[in-house]
Protein backbone atom coordinates (compact mmCIF):
# COMPACT_ATOMS: atom_id res chain seq x y z
CA THR A 1 11.04 2.28 16.61
CA ARG A 2 8.52 1.14 14.07
CA ALA A 3 5.99 3.62 15.41
CA GLN A 4 8.29 6.49 14.43
CA ALA A 5 7.81 5.54 10.79
CA PHE A 6 4.19 6.68 10.98
CA LYS A 7 3.04 10.24 10.58
CA ARG A 8 -0.43 11.12 11.65
CA LEU A 9 -2.07 13.88 9.68
CA SER A 10 -4.95 15.87 11.05
CA LYS A 11 -8.13 16.39 9.08
CA ASN A 12 -6.96 19.70 7.63
CA ASP A 13 -3.46 18.52 6.65
CA MET A 14 -2.79 18.07 2.96
CA ILE A 15 -0.77 15.45 1.15
CA ILE A 16 0.71 15.93 -2.28
CA PRO A 17 -1.68 14.06 -4.56
CA PHE A 18 -0.23 11.30 -6.70
CA THR A 19 -1.47 8.59 -9.02
CA LEU A 20 0.15 5.19 -9.51
CA LYS A 21 -0.74 2.05 -11.44
CA SER A 22 -2.14 -0.82 -9.41
CA VAL A 23 -1.01 -4.40 -9.88
CA ALA A 24 -4.43 -4.95 -11.45
CA GLY A 25 -3.52 -2.39 -14.12
CA THR A 26 -5.82 0.43 -13.03
CA LYS A 27 -4.75 3.91 -11.98
CA VAL A 28 -5.15 4.66 -8.28
CA SER A 29 -5.02 8.24 -7.05
CA THR A 30 -4.79 9.57 -3.52
CA ASP A 31 -7.66 11.87 -4.52
CA SER A 32 -9.92 8.82 -4.79
CA TYR A 33 -9.62 8.39 -1.01
CA LYS A 34 -10.99 11.84 -0.17
CA GLY A 35 -13.75 11.66 2.41
CA LYS A 36 -12.49 8.43 3.98
CA SER A 37 -12.04 8.46 7.74
CA ALA A 38 -8.47 7.14 7.54
CA LEU A 39 -5.92 6.27 4.87
CA ALA A 40 -2.71 4.39 5.57
CA ILE A 41 -0.10 4.74 2.84
CA ILE A 42 2.65 2.20 3.30
CA PHE A 43 5.79 1.53 1.31
CA TRP A 44 7.07 -2.02 0.97
CA LYS A 45 9.46 -4.12 -1.03
CA TYR A 46 10.27 -7.72 -1.67
CA PRO A 47 12.14 -9.79 -0.53
CA SER A 48 11.78 -7.96 2.78
CA GLU A 49 10.22 -10.48 5.16
CA ARG A 50 9.37 -7.59 7.45
CA SER A 51 7.34 -5.97 4.67
CA VAL A 52 5.52 -9.21 3.88
CA GLU A 53 4.65 -9.73 7.55
CA GLU A 54 3.47 -6.12 7.88
CA MET A 55 1.22 -6.61 4.86
CA ARG A 56 -0.46 -9.52 6.67
CA ILE A 57 -0.98 -7.35 9.74
CA LEU A 58 -2.36 -4.53 7.59
CA GLN A 59 -4.83 -6.93 6.00
CA ASP A 60 -6.08 -7.85 9.46
CA LEU A 61 -6.47 -4.13 10.31
CA TYR A 62 -8.21 -3.50 7.01
CA ASN A 63 -10.67 -6.35 7.66
CA GLN A 64 -11.38 -4.98 11.11
CA TYR A 65 -11.91 -1.32 10.13
CA LYS A 66 -12.94 -1.22 6.46
CA ASP A 67 -16.60 -0.72 7.40
CA LYS A 68 -15.50 2.48 9.16
CA ASP A 69 -14.00 3.92 5.94
CA PHE A 70 -10.42 2.88 6.75
CA GLU A 71 -8.37 2.41 3.57
CA ILE A 72 -4.87 1.24 2.75
CA MET A 73 -2.67 2.02 -0.23
CA ALA A 74 0.40 -0.22 -0.32
CA VAL A 75 3.09 1.27 -2.57
CA TYR A 76 5.65 -1.20 -3.86
CA SER A 77 9.08 0.44 -4.06
CA PRO A 78 11.42 -1.21 -6.57
CA GLU A 79 15.01 -2.16 -5.85
CA THR A 80 16.41 0.37 -8.34
CA THR A 81 15.44 3.70 -9.86
CA LYS A 82 14.93 1.93 -13.19
CA GLY A 83 11.46 0.81 -12.13
CA VAL A 84 9.91 -2.50 -11.27
CA SER A 85 11.65 -5.41 -13.00
CA GLU A 86 9.82 -8.39 -14.52
CA ASP A 87 11.35 -10.57 -11.78
CA GLU A 88 9.96 -8.28 -9.09
CA ILE A 89 6.53 -8.27 -10.74
CA SER A 90 6.44 -12.07 -10.78
CA LYS A 91 7.39 -12.11 -7.08
CA ILE A 92 4.69 -9.54 -6.29
CA TYR A 93 2.08 -11.68 -8.05
CA GLU A 94 3.33 -14.72 -6.14
CA ILE A 95 2.86 -12.86 -2.84
CA LEU A 96 -0.58 -11.70 -3.91
CA SER A 97 -1.66 -15.19 -4.92
CA ASP A 98 -0.50 -16.57 -1.56
CA ASN A 99 -2.38 -13.87 0.36
CA ASN A 100 -5.79 -12.38 -0.28
CA TYR A 101 -5.04 -8.69 0.12
CA SER A 102 -8.16 -6.66 -0.47
CA PHE A 103 -6.60 -3.20 -0.36
CA ASN A 104 -4.92 -1.37 -3.25
CA ILE A 105 -1.38 -2.38 -4.09
CA VAL A 106 0.31 0.04 -6.47
CA LEU A 107 3.71 0.19 -8.16
CA ASP A 108 6.08 3.12 -7.67
C-alpha cells in the first residue's frame, strides 16, 4: 500500500545528512530542518501523474501544518543515473509554474 512507503522516525532516530541543490539554485541540507516538529522527505519524478498528484496533496498538508513546524523536502529523482536532463528541468519548471509549491524542491 502507499502507507508502506512511509517510515516514521522517532525523535532520537538519525538520518544520514545530505545536501542537494534546489530548483531555485540554492543548497538545501537536511541539517537545516533540525528542530522542526516534522519533516517529510519525498521522492518524485515526472512524468509520473501519481507523483504530481501527491505533490498537490503534500502542498495541502504543508499549508495546513506549516505553522506547527511541519516541513517538506521533495527530491526529484531523474530518469537515469546521468543526472537531471535539460528536458526534465524544463518539465519541472512547467509543473512548478502551474502549481504554487511553497516547500523545498531539490534535484537528486
